[in-house]
Protein backbone atom coordinates (compact mmCIF):
# COMPACT_ATOMS: atom_id res chain seq x y z
CA MET A 1 0.01 0.07 0.28
CA ALA A 2 1.49 3.40 -0.90
CA PHE A 3 1.29 6.12 1.63
CA GLN A 4 2.75 9.54 2.53
CA PRO A 5 4.50 9.80 5.79
CA VAL A 6 2.97 12.24 8.25
CA ILE A 7 5.26 13.76 11.28
CA LEU A 8 2.63 15.58 13.86
CA TRP A 9 4.00 17.73 16.44
CA THR A 10 3.64 15.10 19.06
CA ASP A 11 5.44 12.36 16.81
CA ALA A 12 8.36 14.83 16.26
CA LEU A 13 8.54 15.24 20.11
CA VAL A 14 8.44 11.51 20.61
CA TYR A 15 11.03 10.91 18.26
CA LEU A 16 13.26 13.59 20.00
CA LEU A 17 12.64 11.91 23.14
CA LEU A 18 13.53 8.37 21.87
CA VAL A 19 16.80 9.70 20.40
CA LEU A 20 17.71 11.57 24.04
CA ILE A 21 17.00 8.18 25.81
CA GLY A 22 19.27 6.49 23.36
CA LEU A 23 21.97 8.82 23.97
CA MET A 24 21.38 8.44 27.93
CA VAL A 25 21.67 4.45 27.36
CA TRP A 26 24.97 4.99 25.39
CA TYR A 27 26.53 7.21 28.24
CA THR A 28 25.27 5.20 30.70
CA ARG A 29 26.61 1.94 29.61
CA ARG A 30 30.13 3.53 29.43
CA HIS A 31 30.07 4.76 33.26
CA GLU A 32 30.00 2.00 35.61
CA HIS A 33 28.75 4.20 38.44
CA LEU A 34 25.52 4.99 36.27
CA LEU A 35 25.38 1.44 35.33
CA THR A 36 25.49 0.02 38.69
CA PRO A 37 21.84 1.64 39.77
CA TRP A 38 20.19 0.02 36.73
CA ARG A 39 21.53 -3.27 37.48
CA ARG A 40 19.70 -2.96 40.70
CA VAL A 41 16.60 -2.23 39.23
CA SER A 42 17.05 -5.08 36.84
CA GLY A 43 17.85 -7.40 39.94
CA SER A 44 14.44 -6.80 41.55
CA ARG A 45 11.43 -9.07 40.95
CA THR A 46 8.87 -6.24 40.87
CA GLY A 47 11.09 -4.26 38.45
CA GLN A 48 11.29 -7.36 36.00
CA ALA A 49 7.33 -7.94 35.89
CA THR A 50 6.53 -4.20 35.39
CA MET A 51 8.89 -3.76 32.59
CA VAL A 52 7.12 -6.23 30.60
CA VAL A 53 3.85 -4.48 31.33
CA LEU A 54 5.26 -1.30 30.70
CA GLY A 55 7.01 -2.28 27.54
CA PHE A 56 3.65 -3.51 26.20
CA TYR A 57 2.08 -0.20 26.38
CA ILE A 58 5.29 1.35 24.85
CA ALA A 59 5.24 -0.87 21.92
CA VAL A 60 1.47 -0.19 21.40
CA GLY A 61 2.06 3.78 21.88
CA LEU A 62 4.96 3.74 19.44
CA MET A 63 3.08 1.76 17.01
CA ASP A 64 0.44 4.40 17.06
CA THR A 65 2.91 7.26 16.63
CA LEU A 66 4.22 6.31 13.07
CA HIS A 67 1.66 8.19 10.93
CA PHE A 68 1.02 8.52 7.04
CA ASN A 69 -1.79 9.48 4.67
CA PRO A 70 -2.94 6.44 2.60
CA GLN A 71 -2.85 6.57 -1.23
CA THR A 72 -6.61 6.96 -2.59
CA GLY A 73 -5.50 6.88 -6.59
CA VAL A 74 -3.75 8.72 -9.31
CA ASP A 75 -4.56 11.86 -11.00
CA ASP A 76 -4.28 12.52 -14.75
CA ALA A 77 -0.91 13.14 -14.72
CA GLY A 78 -0.13 9.72 -12.85
CA LYS A 79 0.91 11.25 -9.75
CA PRO A 80 -0.49 9.74 -6.54
CA ILE A 81 -3.59 11.31 -4.87
CA TYR A 82 -3.50 10.45 -0.93
CA SER A 83 -6.26 10.88 1.49
CA THR A 84 -6.44 13.72 4.37
CA GLU A 85 -7.01 10.99 6.64
CA VAL A 86 -4.20 10.44 8.87
CA LEU A 87 -3.86 6.73 9.99
CA SER A 88 -1.12 4.77 12.22
CA VAL A 89 0.76 1.60 11.92
CA PHE A 90 -1.75 0.32 14.80
CA ASP A 91 -4.41 1.24 12.79
CA VAL A 92 -3.23 -1.12 9.77
CA VAL A 93 -2.38 -3.64 12.43
CA ALA A 94 -5.83 -3.36 14.28
CA GLY A 95 -7.58 -3.65 10.80
CA PRO A 96 -11.14 -4.64 11.61
CA LEU A 97 -11.26 -3.27 14.74
CA ARG A 98 -11.17 0.02 13.13
CA THR A 99 -13.39 -0.20 10.62
CA GLN A 100 -16.24 -2.71 11.58
CA ARG A 101 -18.76 -0.53 13.53
CA GLU A 102 -22.23 -1.42 14.62
CA LYS A 103 -25.32 0.68 14.87
CA THR A 104 -24.87 1.62 18.70
CA TYR A 105 -24.29 -0.37 22.11
CA SER A 106 -23.50 -3.96 22.34
CA ALA A 107 -22.39 -5.59 25.57
CA PRO A 108 -19.07 -7.70 25.62
CA PHE A 109 -19.06 -10.55 23.35
CA ALA A 110 -22.88 -9.97 22.33
CA THR A 111 -24.22 -11.01 19.22
CA HIS A 112 -27.02 -8.71 19.52
CA LEU A 113 -27.44 -4.96 20.27
CA PHE A 114 -27.96 -3.71 23.87
CA SER A 115 -31.54 -2.29 23.29
CA LYS A 116 -34.41 -3.50 21.53
CA GLU A 117 -35.51 -1.48 18.42
CA ASN A 118 -38.94 -2.01 16.13
CA VAL A 119 -37.90 -4.36 13.34
CA GLN A 120 -40.22 -5.57 10.31
CA THR A 121 -40.41 -9.33 9.82
CA ALA A 122 -40.45 -11.17 6.47
CA ASP A 123 -44.38 -11.14 6.84
CA GLY A 124 -44.37 -7.45 7.07
CA ARG A 125 -45.39 -7.34 11.30
CA MET A 126 -43.39 -4.91 13.39
CA GLU A 127 -41.43 -6.44 16.28
CA ARG A 128 -39.70 -5.12 19.12
CA ILE A 129 -36.68 -7.27 19.37
CA PHE A 130 -32.92 -7.19 20.12
CA PRO A 131 -31.34 -6.73 16.42
CA ARG A 132 -28.46 -9.04 15.43
CA LEU A 133 -25.12 -7.25 15.18
CA GLN A 134 -23.52 -6.86 11.91
CA TYR A 135 -20.17 -8.01 12.73
CA GLY A 136 -20.07 -9.56 16.44
CA GLY A 137 -20.60 -13.05 16.45
CA ALA A 138 -21.27 -13.08 12.56
CA HIS A 139 -20.08 -16.29 11.93
CA LEU A 140 -22.58 -17.79 14.35
CA ASP A 141 -26.14 -18.64 13.39
CA ALA A 142 -28.81 -16.45 14.09
CA SER A 143 -29.64 -17.64 17.42
CA GLY A 144 -26.01 -17.12 18.40
CA ALA A 145 -25.47 -20.76 19.87
CA GLY A 146 -22.64 -22.10 20.65
CA LYS A 147 -21.22 -19.01 21.43
CA LEU A 148 -19.67 -20.05 24.73
CA ALA A 149 -17.90 -22.95 23.17
CA ASP A 150 -16.65 -20.89 20.42
CA ILE A 151 -15.33 -18.23 22.92
CA VAL A 152 -13.21 -20.71 24.46
CA GLN A 153 -11.96 -22.30 21.41
CA LYS A 154 -10.94 -18.95 19.73
CA GLY A 155 -9.40 -17.96 23.08
CA ALA A 156 -7.32 -21.07 23.27
CA ILE A 157 -6.02 -20.78 19.42
CA GLY A 158 -5.05 -17.03 20.29
CA ALA A 159 -3.36 -18.00 23.53
CA ALA A 160 -1.49 -20.65 21.70
CA GLN A 161 -0.31 -18.30 19.17
CA GLY A 162 1.03 -15.89 21.82
CA VAL A 163 2.75 -18.60 23.43
CA VAL A 164 4.46 -19.85 20.18
CA ALA A 165 5.39 -16.13 19.70
CA TRP A 166 6.71 -15.75 23.16
CA ALA A 167 9.20 -18.81 22.58
CA LEU A 168 10.56 -17.53 19.35
CA LEU A 169 11.14 -14.57 20.95
CA ILE A 170 12.82 -16.24 24.05
CA LEU A 171 14.96 -18.35 21.69
CA LEU A 172 16.00 -15.31 19.54
CA LEU A 173 17.30 -13.66 22.64
CA ASN A 174 18.75 -16.23 23.98
CA LYS A 175 20.51 -17.02 20.62
CA LEU A 176 19.15 -20.52 20.28
CA ARG A 177 20.89 -22.09 23.12
CA ILE A 178 18.61 -24.55 24.90
CA GLY A 179 21.01 -24.73 28.00
CA ARG A 180 20.68 -20.94 28.71
CA ILE A 181 16.91 -21.06 28.24
CA ARG A 182 16.49 -23.70 30.81
CA ASP A 183 18.62 -21.95 33.08
CA LEU A 184 16.81 -18.68 32.56
CA LEU A 185 13.31 -20.39 33.13
CA ALA A 186 14.72 -21.88 36.24
CA GLY A 187 15.93 -18.82 37.59
CA ARG A 188 19.32 -20.01 37.70
CA ARG A 189 20.91 -16.65 36.55
CA PRO A 190 22.66 -14.22 38.62
CA GLN A 191 19.35 -11.63 37.67
CA PRO A 192 15.97 -12.76 38.17
CA TRP A 193 15.36 -12.72 34.46
CA HIS A 194 12.93 -15.71 35.07
CA VAL A 195 10.26 -13.52 36.39
CA GLY A 196 10.31 -11.08 33.39
CA ALA A 197 10.30 -13.96 31.12
CA TRP A 198 7.11 -15.74 32.86
CA THR A 199 5.50 -12.62 32.98
CA ALA A 200 5.91 -11.85 29.25
CA LEU A 201 4.38 -15.39 28.67
CA ALA A 202 1.18 -14.28 30.64
CA MET A 203 1.26 -11.20 28.53
CA PHE A 204 1.72 -12.91 25.26
CA ALA A 205 -0.88 -15.44 25.92
CA PHE A 206 -3.30 -13.23 27.51
CA VAL A 207 -3.22 -10.52 24.77
CA GLY A 208 -3.16 -13.54 21.83
CA ALA A 209 -6.39 -14.63 23.36
CA LEU A 210 -7.86 -11.16 23.25
CA TRP A 211 -6.54 -10.25 19.65
CA GLU A 212 -7.77 -13.56 18.40
CA LEU A 213 -11.26 -13.24 19.68
CA SER A 214 -11.26 -9.28 18.40
CA GLY A 215 -11.48 -10.80 15.27
CA TYR A 216 -14.78 -12.47 15.85
CA TYR A 217 -16.55 -10.43 18.71
CA HIS A 218 -16.31 -7.15 20.13
CA VAL A 219 -14.72 -8.35 23.26
CA LEU A 220 -15.19 -5.21 25.23
CA GLY A 221 -18.31 -4.20 23.50
CA THR A 222 -19.22 -1.28 21.54
CA ASP A 223 -20.09 2.47 22.27
CA LYS A 224 -22.93 4.83 21.58
CA VAL A 225 -21.73 5.19 17.75
CA GLY A 226 -21.04 1.38 17.40
CA GLU A 227 -17.28 1.82 17.75
CA ASP A 228 -15.16 -0.96 19.19
CA VAL A 229 -14.20 -0.27 23.02
CA PHE A 230 -11.25 -2.35 22.89
CA PHE A 231 -9.64 -0.66 20.11
CA GLN A 232 -10.76 2.74 21.77
CA SER A 233 -8.81 1.54 25.08
CA LEU A 234 -5.62 0.41 22.96
CA LYS A 235 -5.86 3.81 20.77
CA SER A 236 -5.92 5.69 24.16
CA ILE A 237 -2.45 4.12 25.38
CA ARG A 238 -0.59 6.81 23.03
CA THR A 239 -2.32 9.72 24.63
CA GLY A 240 -1.60 8.65 28.34
CA LEU A 241 1.92 7.75 27.26
CA ILE A 242 2.48 11.10 25.54
CA ILE A 243 0.69 13.27 28.48
CA GLY A 244 3.35 11.60 30.76
CA THR A 245 6.47 11.60 28.85
CA LEU A 246 6.01 14.73 26.84
CA THR A 247 4.82 16.92 29.44
CA THR A 248 8.26 16.06 31.49
CA LEU A 249 10.33 16.86 28.13
CA VAL A 250 8.92 20.25 28.46
CA MET A 251 9.37 20.86 32.12
CA LEU A 252 12.83 19.06 33.01
CA PRO A 253 14.78 22.10 31.51
CA ALA A 254 13.17 24.86 33.31
CA ALA A 255 13.38 23.00 36.70
CA ILE A 256 17.19 21.63 36.56
CA LEU A 257 18.36 25.13 35.05
CA LEU A 258 16.57 27.22 37.65
CA GLY A 259 16.86 24.74 40.95
CA ILE A 260 20.49 24.30 40.54
CA MET A 261 21.02 28.02 39.86
CA ALA A 262 18.90 29.06 42.93
CA GLY A 263 20.86 26.79 45.10
CA TYR A 264 24.17 27.32 43.93
CA PHE A 265 24.36 31.28 43.48
CA ARG A 266 21.78 32.11 46.26
CA GLY A 267 21.48 35.96 46.67
CA TRP A 268 19.10 38.06 44.30
CA VAL A 269 19.17 35.12 41.92
CA ASP A 270 17.69 32.70 44.52
CA ASP A 271 15.06 35.67 45.47
CA VAL A 272 14.12 36.04 41.74
CA ILE A 273 13.58 32.26 41.09
CA GLN A 274 12.08 31.52 44.29
CA TYR A 275 9.65 34.47 43.87
CA LEU A 276 8.71 33.03 40.22
CA TYR A 277 7.61 29.60 41.32
CA THR A 278 5.94 30.95 44.49
CA THR A 279 3.89 33.28 42.38
CA LEU A 280 3.10 30.36 39.85
CA ASN A 281 2.25 28.20 42.48
CA SER A 282 -0.44 30.67 43.77
CA ILE A 283 -2.34 30.60 40.58
CA PRO A 284 -5.02 27.57 41.00
CA GLY A 285 -3.48 25.02 38.48
CA VAL A 286 -7.07 23.86 36.93
CA LEU A 287 -7.80 27.47 36.32
CA LEU A 288 -4.70 28.22 34.58
CA ILE A 289 -5.13 25.00 32.50
CA ALA A 290 -8.75 26.07 31.55
CA ALA A 291 -7.88 29.52 30.30
CA ALA A 292 -4.87 28.20 28.43
CA VAL A 293 -7.00 25.64 26.66
CA LEU A 294 -10.09 28.20 25.98
CA MET A 295 -7.58 30.59 24.24
CA MET A 296 -6.55 27.81 22.48
CA GLN A 297 -9.76 26.71 21.17
CA ILE A 298 -10.52 30.31 20.21
CA TYR A 299 -7.24 30.15 18.05
CA MET A 300 -7.78 27.16 16.29
CA SER A 301 -11.85 28.40 15.73
CA ASN A 302 -10.41 31.39 14.05
CA ASN A 303 -7.74 29.78 11.99
CA ALA A 304 -9.45 26.34 10.70
CA ASP A 305 -7.72 26.78 7.51
CA GLN A 306 -4.38 26.06 8.94
CA PHE A 307 -5.35 22.54 9.77
CA ASN A 308 -5.45 19.90 6.93
CA SER A 309 -7.28 17.29 8.95
CA LEU A 310 -9.03 17.05 12.54
CA THR A 311 -6.15 14.83 13.63
CA GLU A 312 -3.61 17.56 13.22
CA ARG A 313 -6.27 19.97 15.23
CA ALA A 314 -6.78 17.36 17.87
CA ASP A 315 -2.70 16.81 17.95
CA LEU A 316 -1.96 20.27 18.25
CA ARG A 317 -4.41 20.68 21.22
CA LEU A 318 -2.55 17.85 22.93
CA LEU A 319 0.87 19.16 22.48
CA PHE A 320 -0.61 22.44 23.95
CA LEU A 321 -2.02 20.59 26.88
CA CYS A 322 1.63 19.02 27.44
CA LEU A 323 3.06 22.40 27.31
CA ILE A 324 0.60 23.86 29.90
CA LEU A 325 0.91 20.95 32.27
CA GLY A 326 4.85 21.39 31.69
CA VAL A 327 4.28 24.91 32.93
CA THR A 328 2.55 24.04 36.02
CA SER A 329 4.49 21.08 37.00
CA TRP A 330 7.95 21.97 37.22
CA THR A 331 8.03 24.22 40.43
CA GLY A 332 7.99 21.02 42.72
CA LEU A 333 11.32 19.46 41.02
CA CYS A 334 12.67 23.11 41.10
CA ARG A 335 12.18 23.12 44.75
CA LEU A 336 13.75 19.74 45.49
CA LEU A 337 17.01 20.73 43.30
CA ARG A 338 17.66 24.01 44.85
CA GLY A 339 17.83 22.38 48.25
CA GLU A 340 20.15 20.03 47.03
CA ALA A 341 22.10 22.50 45.21
CA LEU A 342 22.44 24.45 48.76
CA LYS A 343 23.98 21.37 50.12
CA LEU A 344 26.48 20.57 47.38
CA ARG A 345 27.91 23.98 46.96
CA GLU A 346 29.25 23.75 50.65
CA LEU A 347 31.08 20.31 49.97
CA GLU A 348 34.86 20.44 49.84
CA TYR A 349 35.34 19.72 45.96
CA VAL A 350 32.94 22.29 45.03
CA GLN A 351 34.66 25.04 47.21
CA ALA A 352 38.16 23.75 45.97
CA ALA A 353 36.87 24.05 42.04
CA ARG A 354 35.99 27.47 43.06
CA ALA A 355 39.16 28.20 44.81
CA PHE A 356 41.39 27.33 41.67
CA GLY A 357 39.32 29.91 39.71
CA VAL A 358 36.95 27.24 37.86
CA ASN A 359 33.90 29.14 35.97
CA HIS A 360 30.76 28.46 37.52
CA PHE A 361 29.24 26.93 34.33
CA ARG A 362 31.59 24.22 34.45
CA ILE A 363 31.22 23.70 38.28
CA LEU A 364 27.37 23.37 37.51
CA VAL A 365 27.84 20.88 34.55
CA ARG A 366 30.72 18.89 36.21
CA HIS A 367 29.89 18.78 40.06
CA VAL A 368 26.42 19.81 40.70
CA LEU A 369 24.40 18.52 37.81
CA PRO A 370 25.71 14.72 37.76
CA ASN A 371 25.23 14.75 41.69
CA VAL A 372 21.47 15.78 41.60
CA MET A 373 20.18 13.41 38.64
CA HIS A 374 19.16 10.70 40.99
CA ILE A 375 16.51 13.34 42.31
CA VAL A 376 15.79 14.03 38.70
CA LEU A 377 15.38 10.50 37.61
CA ILE A 378 13.23 9.45 40.80
CA THR A 379 10.92 12.56 40.20
CA VAL A 380 10.25 12.02 36.50
CA VAL A 381 9.33 8.13 37.35
CA LEU A 382 6.90 9.24 40.08
CA ASP A 383 5.33 12.28 38.31
CA PHE A 384 4.80 10.16 35.14
CA SER A 385 1.64 8.17 37.07
CA GLY A 386 0.36 11.53 38.31
CA LEU A 387 0.34 13.21 34.76
CA VAL A 388 -1.56 9.94 33.03
CA LEU A 389 -4.13 10.61 36.12
CA ALA A 390 -4.10 14.20 35.56
CA GLU A 391 -5.31 13.92 31.74
CA ALA A 392 -8.35 11.64 32.81
CA VAL A 393 -9.38 14.24 35.22
CA LEU A 394 -9.01 17.01 32.84
CA SER A 395 -10.91 15.27 29.96
CA TYR A 396 -13.40 14.66 32.67
CA ILE A 397 -14.46 18.21 32.97
CA SER A 398 -13.78 19.08 29.63
CA ILE A 399 -10.52 21.08 29.62
CA GLY A 400 -8.39 17.98 28.41
CA VAL A 401 -7.44 16.63 25.33
CA ASP A 402 -9.69 17.32 22.21
CA PRO A 403 -13.00 15.14 21.82
CA ALA A 404 -11.78 13.56 18.64
CA THR A 405 -8.62 12.04 20.37
CA ASN A 406 -8.78 8.67 21.84
CA SER A 407 -8.09 8.86 25.71
CA TRP A 408 -8.94 7.29 28.58
CA GLY A 409 -10.17 10.46 30.18
CA ASN A 410 -12.83 10.98 27.14
CA MET A 411 -13.83 7.80 27.51
CA ILE A 412 -14.75 8.28 31.03
CA ASN A 413 -16.24 11.70 30.33
CA GLY A 414 -18.68 9.79 27.97
CA ALA A 415 -19.50 6.90 30.62
CA ARG A 416 -20.97 9.65 32.74
CA LEU A 417 -24.24 9.52 30.92
CA GLU A 418 -24.15 5.86 29.95
CA LEU A 419 -24.41 5.15 33.96
CA ALA A 420 -27.63 7.09 33.92
CA ARG A 421 -29.37 4.50 31.33
CA GLU A 422 -31.46 1.88 32.09
CA PRO A 423 -30.03 -0.78 31.98
CA VAL A 424 -26.34 0.66 32.63
CA VAL A 425 -23.68 1.07 30.00
CA TRP A 426 -20.71 -0.03 32.25
CA TRP A 427 -18.36 -1.57 29.84
CA SER A 428 -16.61 1.75 28.80
CA LEU A 429 -16.07 2.93 32.15
CA LEU A 430 -14.74 -0.47 33.10
CA ALA A 431 -12.44 -0.92 30.16
CA ALA A 432 -10.93 3.17 30.64
CA PHE A 433 -10.37 2.12 34.27
CA THR A 434 -8.69 -1.47 33.69
CA PHE A 435 -6.19 -0.21 31.20
CA MET A 436 -5.35 2.99 33.03
CA PHE A 437 -5.08 1.25 36.41
CA THR A 438 -2.94 -1.41 34.81
CA LEU A 439 -0.59 1.32 33.41
CA VAL A 440 -0.54 3.48 36.87
CA LEU A 441 0.08 0.44 38.88
CA ALA A 442 2.70 -0.81 36.88
CA ALA A 443 4.49 2.67 36.82
CA ASN A 444 4.21 3.35 40.59
CA LEU A 445 5.61 -0.09 41.41
CA PHE A 446 8.83 0.43 38.73
CA SER A 447 9.09 3.98 40.34
CA ASP A 448 9.38 2.31 43.79
CA VAL A 449 12.20 0.27 42.50
CA VAL A 450 13.68 3.15 40.71
CA ARG A 451 13.97 5.34 43.69
CA ASP A 452 15.25 2.27 45.84
CA ALA A 453 18.08 1.55 43.27
CA PHE A 454 18.92 5.36 42.86
CA ASP A 455 18.31 7.02 46.38
CA PRO A 456 21.70 7.31 48.01
CA ARG A 457 20.18 7.49 51.59
CA LEU A 458 18.33 4.22 51.06
CA ARG A 459 21.55 2.55 50.07
CA GLU A 460 23.32 3.74 53.06
CA GLN A 461 20.55 2.90 55.39
CA ARG A 462 20.96 -0.91 54.18
């Protein structure tokens, strides 16, 4: 299939973040004192399990970050014509999940709509029945008989396919050495890699079963417009990851620079920086975000011709939300770094460097910054889950991401009215809660492991 690559603003920042992470990994591998804490992270059973779960979310988010315009035809001159619709690699992989829409609500694994409708029978009579779904369970007969056995069978096939994929991955990672694989699975390695391997097996089997079933059923039901809720939940992963990571990318430079400057220089520099973040903290964050989002909406409404598609418009709002969240969230880290810099500037090696005439910039880069990076890393990991939850809260009160953007916050916001129906439409809320809860729980557990590995005070207590 011919296509035209599309790089949205958030895509470009994600690629930049990947480059920075790659450089950090390269630099860390060349310095043993930086590599040692990460060995402690990989030596944790909790760290191994959570890295597998986070890896699944990251893989889905990255696939959903590769965007393109599909080709729709050619013009009279033979040049390709591309659609204005922006798709992602994940949309292509998902296939029928994206395109197969029902008429309205249907429950998980249902074969009929959730509510009754007036349907004309073959003999001309009107009956009020639950209409048959167009795609969900379409391979079954009209009554849906044998559904339970079919679900078990197809779920088992999908789980088996996941296990096969896991086995191939284990073989490749261990270079086809059966002895190494046996030691790995038995836990005879120095690091608890077997925990990660068995967690990956469970993930592959579970995701494989759901993926196989999603080709025949709506495993998490459909929403008001008939869109598959399982597809919505997976598409929302990218939004959650972008809010949690790009916001950090925005706020880190200001927090690090101003924090260590305030603590190192003290005097009027410290007073100005303290006044800046104290003033910013006095403004209610929600009101500041609401005002900024409202200004952005007015700008986009008055300049609609600048956007080629709704996707680009929604992406700009997502980027702006990351920016405003970054502006309002750097003050906490700045305070921590200021306090640490106040302590570091009094240490002997820093005072010796100043006595020898080393310029301030070199002292900050060579002596102060490396000794506060553990605080930066711990804070970044801890703040990730809070930012993911913040997106859900902001979208719930309609000042978050664009309504056209798939996000767990928009799903929860839409579920407000669904909970007032009779009978209750509960699966959209449950799906958003489950996916968000799993990501936040894994991130919190991983952040605890990182904090224990990098915090020097905890190591001294041990």
